[in-house]
Amino acid sequence: MVALLMKRELCVCEFQEVFDMTQPSISQHLRKLKDSDLVKESRKGQWIYYSLNKSSEFYRLINYVTTQIPDQEETIKQIDKSNPTIRCGC
């Protein structure tokens, strides 16, 4: 999740595309990241988008760690391809 959020903000349904998990399960993981101040949320219309909290004291560490794992650009392309006209159709 964190590696994907390094690429761009995402909503729960976009995470569902990747992780094959239920919406409540993904939301629970995101809530834990948010409670740890690693992730922030913003509302756009009826959708909530999640992004990394760049002002978090752990952001530099997260940035470093994500450079050590595979790039998620192909996963982002997969998300975009599955919903080309509307970024989120939750």
N, C-alpha and C. Protein backbone atom coordinates (compact mmCIF):
# COMPACT_ATOMS: atom_id res chain seq x y z
N MET A 1 0.83 -1.19 0.00
CA MET A 1 0.00 0.00 0.00
C MET A 1 0.87 1.25 0.00
N VAL A 2 1.86 1.25 0.86
CA VAL A 2 2.73 2.42 0.97
C VAL A 2 3.48 2.66 -0.34
N ALA A 3 3.97 1.59 -0.96
CA ALA A 3 4.69 1.76 -2.23
C ALA A 3 3.77 2.33 -3.31
N LEU A 4 2.53 1.93 -3.33
CA LEU A 4 1.58 2.49 -4.29
C LEU A 4 1.29 3.95 -3.99
N LEU A 5 1.19 4.27 -2.72
CA LEU A 5 0.94 5.66 -2.33
C LEU A 5 2.13 6.56 -2.61
N MET A 6 3.31 5.99 -2.78
CA MET A 6 4.46 6.79 -3.19
C MET A 6 4.27 7.29 -4.62
N LYS A 7 3.48 6.57 -5.40
CA LYS A 7 3.24 6.94 -6.80
C LYS A 7 2.15 8.00 -6.94
N ARG A 8 1.06 7.81 -6.15
CA ARG A 8 -0.06 8.77 -6.21
C ARG A 8 -1.08 8.43 -5.14
N GLU A 9 -2.03 9.34 -4.96
CA GLU A 9 -3.12 9.07 -4.03
C GLU A 9 -4.06 8.04 -4.64
N LEU A 10 -4.68 7.27 -3.77
CA LEU A 10 -5.59 6.21 -4.22
C LEU A 10 -6.79 6.12 -3.30
N CYS A 11 -7.88 5.57 -3.82
CA CYS A 11 -9.04 5.32 -2.98
C CYS A 11 -9.12 3.82 -2.69
N VAL A 12 -10.02 3.46 -1.82
CA VAL A 12 -10.13 2.06 -1.39
C VAL A 12 -10.40 1.13 -2.57
N CYS A 13 -11.28 1.53 -3.47
CA CYS A 13 -11.62 0.63 -4.59
C CYS A 13 -10.41 0.38 -5.49
N GLU A 14 -9.51 1.34 -5.58
CA GLU A 14 -8.31 1.13 -6.38
C GLU A 14 -7.37 0.13 -5.70
N PHE A 15 -7.31 0.16 -4.39
CA PHE A 15 -6.54 -0.85 -3.66
C PHE A 15 -7.17 -2.24 -3.85
N GLN A 16 -8.49 -2.28 -3.91
CA GLN A 16 -9.18 -3.56 -4.12
C GLN A 16 -8.75 -4.21 -5.43
N GLU A 17 -8.52 -3.40 -6.46
CA GLU A 17 -8.06 -3.91 -7.75
C GLU A 17 -6.76 -4.69 -7.61
N VAL A 18 -5.91 -4.26 -6.74
CA VAL A 18 -4.57 -4.81 -6.59
C VAL A 18 -4.52 -5.96 -5.60
N PHE A 19 -5.16 -5.78 -4.47
CA PHE A 19 -4.97 -6.71 -3.36
C PHE A 19 -6.02 -7.80 -3.24
N ASP A 20 -7.09 -7.74 -4.00
CA ASP A 20 -8.14 -8.75 -3.94
C ASP A 20 -8.59 -8.95 -2.48
N MET A 21 -8.88 -7.84 -1.83
CA MET A 21 -9.35 -7.84 -0.45
C MET A 21 -10.66 -7.08 -0.40
N THR A 22 -11.40 -7.27 0.66
CA THR A 22 -12.67 -6.56 0.81
C THR A 22 -12.42 -5.10 1.15
N GLN A 23 -13.41 -4.28 0.88
CA GLN A 23 -13.33 -2.86 1.21
C GLN A 23 -13.11 -2.64 2.70
N PRO A 24 -13.85 -3.35 3.58
CA PRO A 24 -13.61 -3.14 5.02
C PRO A 24 -12.19 -3.51 5.45
N SER A 25 -11.64 -4.55 4.86
CA SER A 25 -10.28 -4.96 5.21
C SER A 25 -9.25 -3.91 4.79
N ILE A 26 -9.40 -3.41 3.58
CA ILE A 26 -8.48 -2.38 3.10
C ILE A 26 -8.64 -1.11 3.94
N SER A 27 -9.87 -0.74 4.22
CA SER A 27 -10.11 0.45 5.04
C SER A 27 -9.48 0.32 6.42
N GLN A 28 -9.51 -0.88 6.97
CA GLN A 28 -8.91 -1.12 8.28
C GLN A 28 -7.40 -0.91 8.24
N HIS A 29 -6.75 -1.42 7.18
CA HIS A 29 -5.31 -1.22 7.03
C HIS A 29 -4.98 0.27 6.86
N LEU A 30 -5.76 0.95 6.04
CA LEU A 30 -5.54 2.37 5.84
C LEU A 30 -5.76 3.17 7.12
N ARG A 31 -6.74 2.77 7.90
CA ARG A 31 -6.98 3.46 9.17
C ARG A 31 -5.78 3.31 10.10
N LYS A 32 -5.18 2.13 10.12
CA LYS A 32 -3.99 1.93 10.97
C LYS A 32 -2.83 2.80 10.49
N LEU A 33 -2.67 2.91 9.18
CA LEU A 33 -1.63 3.78 8.64
C LEU A 33 -1.93 5.24 8.98
N LYS A 34 -3.19 5.60 8.91
CA LYS A 34 -3.59 6.97 9.23
C LYS A 34 -3.39 7.25 10.72
N ASP A 35 -3.77 6.31 11.57
CA ASP A 35 -3.59 6.47 13.01
C ASP A 35 -2.11 6.61 13.38
N SER A 36 -1.24 6.03 12.56
CA SER A 36 0.21 6.13 12.78
C SER A 36 0.79 7.39 12.16
N ASP A 37 -0.06 8.21 11.56
CA ASP A 37 0.32 9.47 10.92
C ASP A 37 1.15 9.26 9.65
N LEU A 38 1.08 8.07 9.07
CA LEU A 38 1.82 7.79 7.83
C LEU A 38 1.00 8.16 6.60
N VAL A 39 -0.31 8.13 6.75
CA VAL A 39 -1.22 8.37 5.63
C VAL A 39 -2.22 9.45 6.04
N LYS A 40 -2.60 10.24 5.05
CA LYS A 40 -3.67 11.23 5.28
C LYS A 40 -4.75 10.98 4.25
N GLU A 41 -5.92 11.55 4.50
CA GLU A 41 -7.03 11.36 3.58
C GLU A 41 -7.61 12.70 3.18
N SER A 42 -8.19 12.71 1.98
CA SER A 42 -8.88 13.91 1.52
C SER A 42 -10.14 13.48 0.78
N ARG A 43 -11.18 14.25 0.96
CA ARG A 43 -12.45 13.94 0.32
C ARG A 43 -12.55 14.70 -0.99
N LYS A 44 -12.93 13.97 -2.02
CA LYS A 44 -13.19 14.56 -3.34
C LYS A 44 -14.57 14.08 -3.76
N GLY A 45 -15.54 14.95 -3.60
CA GLY A 45 -16.92 14.53 -3.85
C GLY A 45 -17.31 13.50 -2.80
N GLN A 46 -17.79 12.37 -3.26
CA GLN A 46 -18.19 11.34 -2.31
C GLN A 46 -17.08 10.33 -2.02
N TRP A 47 -15.92 10.50 -2.65
CA TRP A 47 -14.82 9.55 -2.49
C TRP A 47 -13.77 10.09 -1.53
N ILE A 48 -13.14 9.17 -0.82
CA ILE A 48 -12.02 9.52 0.05
C ILE A 48 -10.76 8.96 -0.58
N TYR A 49 -9.79 9.84 -0.78
CA TYR A 49 -8.51 9.44 -1.35
C TYR A 49 -7.44 9.48 -0.27
N TYR A 50 -6.53 8.51 -0.34
CA TYR A 50 -5.46 8.39 0.64
C TYR A 50 -4.13 8.72 -0.02
N SER A 51 -3.27 9.39 0.74
CA SER A 51 -1.93 9.72 0.25
C SER A 51 -0.97 9.65 1.43
N LEU A 52 0.31 9.59 1.11
CA LEU A 52 1.30 9.58 2.17
C LEU A 52 1.37 10.95 2.82
N ASN A 53 1.57 10.95 4.10
CA ASN A 53 1.72 12.19 4.84
C ASN A 53 3.18 12.60 4.79
N LYS A 54 3.50 13.49 3.89
CA LYS A 54 4.89 13.90 3.70
C LYS A 54 5.44 14.69 4.88
N SER A 55 4.58 15.15 5.75
CA SER A 55 5.08 15.86 6.93
C SER A 55 5.27 14.92 8.13
N SER A 56 5.00 13.64 7.92
CA SER A 56 5.20 12.67 8.99
C SER A 56 6.69 12.55 9.31
N GLU A 57 6.97 12.32 10.58
CA GLU A 57 8.37 12.16 10.97
C GLU A 57 8.99 10.92 10.35
N PHE A 58 8.17 10.00 9.83
CA PHE A 58 8.67 8.76 9.24
C PHE A 58 8.76 8.81 7.72
N TYR A 59 8.39 9.93 7.12
CA TYR A 59 8.35 9.98 5.65
C TYR A 59 9.70 9.68 5.02
N ARG A 60 10.76 10.22 5.54
CA ARG A 60 12.08 9.95 4.96
C ARG A 60 12.41 8.46 5.01
N LEU A 61 12.06 7.81 6.11
CA LEU A 61 12.28 6.37 6.23
C LEU A 61 11.44 5.60 5.22
N ILE A 62 10.18 5.97 5.11
CA ILE A 62 9.29 5.32 4.13
C ILE A 62 9.82 5.51 2.73
N ASN A 63 10.25 6.70 2.42
CA ASN A 63 10.80 6.99 1.10
C ASN A 63 11.99 6.08 0.81
N TYR A 64 12.88 5.93 1.78
CA TYR A 64 14.04 5.07 1.60
C TYR A 64 13.62 3.60 1.44
N VAL A 65 12.75 3.12 2.30
CA VAL A 65 12.34 1.71 2.26
C VAL A 65 11.70 1.38 0.92
N THR A 66 10.87 2.26 0.41
CA THR A 66 10.19 1.97 -0.86
C THR A 66 11.15 1.96 -2.04
N THR A 67 12.33 2.53 -1.89
CA THR A 67 13.31 2.42 -2.98
C THR A 67 13.93 1.03 -3.01
N GLN A 68 13.75 0.26 -1.96
CA GLN A 68 14.33 -1.07 -1.85
C GLN A 68 13.40 -2.19 -2.31
N ILE A 69 12.18 -1.84 -2.69
CA ILE A 69 11.22 -2.83 -3.16
C ILE A 69 10.88 -2.56 -4.62
N PRO A 70 10.28 -3.54 -5.30
CA PRO A 70 9.97 -3.34 -6.73
C PRO A 70 9.11 -2.10 -6.99
N ASP A 71 9.39 -1.44 -8.09
CA ASP A 71 8.63 -0.27 -8.51
C ASP A 71 7.18 -0.67 -8.77
N GLN A 72 6.25 0.20 -8.47
CA GLN A 72 4.82 -0.09 -8.59
C GLN A 72 4.18 0.58 -9.80
N GLU A 73 4.99 1.06 -10.73
CA GLU A 73 4.44 1.76 -11.90
C GLU A 73 3.50 0.85 -12.71
N GLU A 74 3.85 -0.40 -12.88
CA GLU A 74 2.99 -1.31 -13.64
C GLU A 74 1.67 -1.54 -12.92
N THR A 75 1.70 -1.58 -11.61
CA THR A 75 0.48 -1.75 -10.83
C THR A 75 -0.41 -0.52 -10.99
N ILE A 76 0.17 0.64 -10.98
CA ILE A 76 -0.60 1.87 -11.19
C ILE A 76 -1.23 1.86 -12.59
N LYS A 77 -0.49 1.42 -13.58
CA LYS A 77 -1.04 1.31 -14.95
C LYS A 77 -2.21 0.33 -14.98
N GLN A 78 -2.10 -0.77 -14.24
CA GLN A 78 -3.18 -1.75 -14.16
C GLN A 78 -4.44 -1.11 -13.56
N ILE A 79 -4.26 -0.33 -12.52
CA ILE A 79 -5.39 0.36 -11.89
C ILE A 79 -6.03 1.32 -12.89
N ASP A 80 -5.22 2.11 -13.57
CA ASP A 80 -5.73 3.07 -14.55
C ASP A 80 -6.45 2.38 -15.70
N LYS A 81 -5.91 1.27 -16.14
CA LYS A 81 -6.50 0.55 -17.27
C LYS A 81 -7.88 -0.02 -16.91
N SER A 82 -8.04 -0.46 -15.68
CA SER A 82 -9.31 -1.06 -15.28
C SER A 82 -10.41 -0.03 -15.14
N ASN A 83 -10.05 1.25 -15.06
CA ASN A 83 -11.04 2.31 -14.91
C ASN A 83 -10.59 3.54 -15.70
N PRO A 84 -10.58 3.44 -17.04
CA PRO A 84 -9.99 4.53 -17.84
C PRO A 84 -10.76 5.85 -17.86
N THR A 85 -12.09 5.82 -17.71
CA THR A 85 -12.84 7.06 -17.83
C THR A 85 -13.02 7.79 -16.52
N ILE A 86 -13.13 7.04 -15.44
CA ILE A 86 -13.32 7.63 -14.12
C ILE A 86 -12.28 7.01 -13.21
N ARG A 87 -11.49 7.86 -12.55
CA ARG A 87 -10.44 7.32 -11.70
C ARG A 87 -10.99 6.45 -10.59
N CYS A 88 -12.13 6.78 -10.10
CA CYS A 88 -12.70 5.97 -9.03
C CYS A 88 -14.19 5.79 -9.26
N GLY A 89 -14.62 4.58 -9.24
CA GLY A 89 -16.04 4.31 -9.38
C GLY A 89 -16.55 3.49 -8.23
N CYS A 90 -16.09 3.79 -7.05
CA CYS A 90 -16.49 3.01 -5.86
C CYS A 90 -17.99 2.84 -5.79
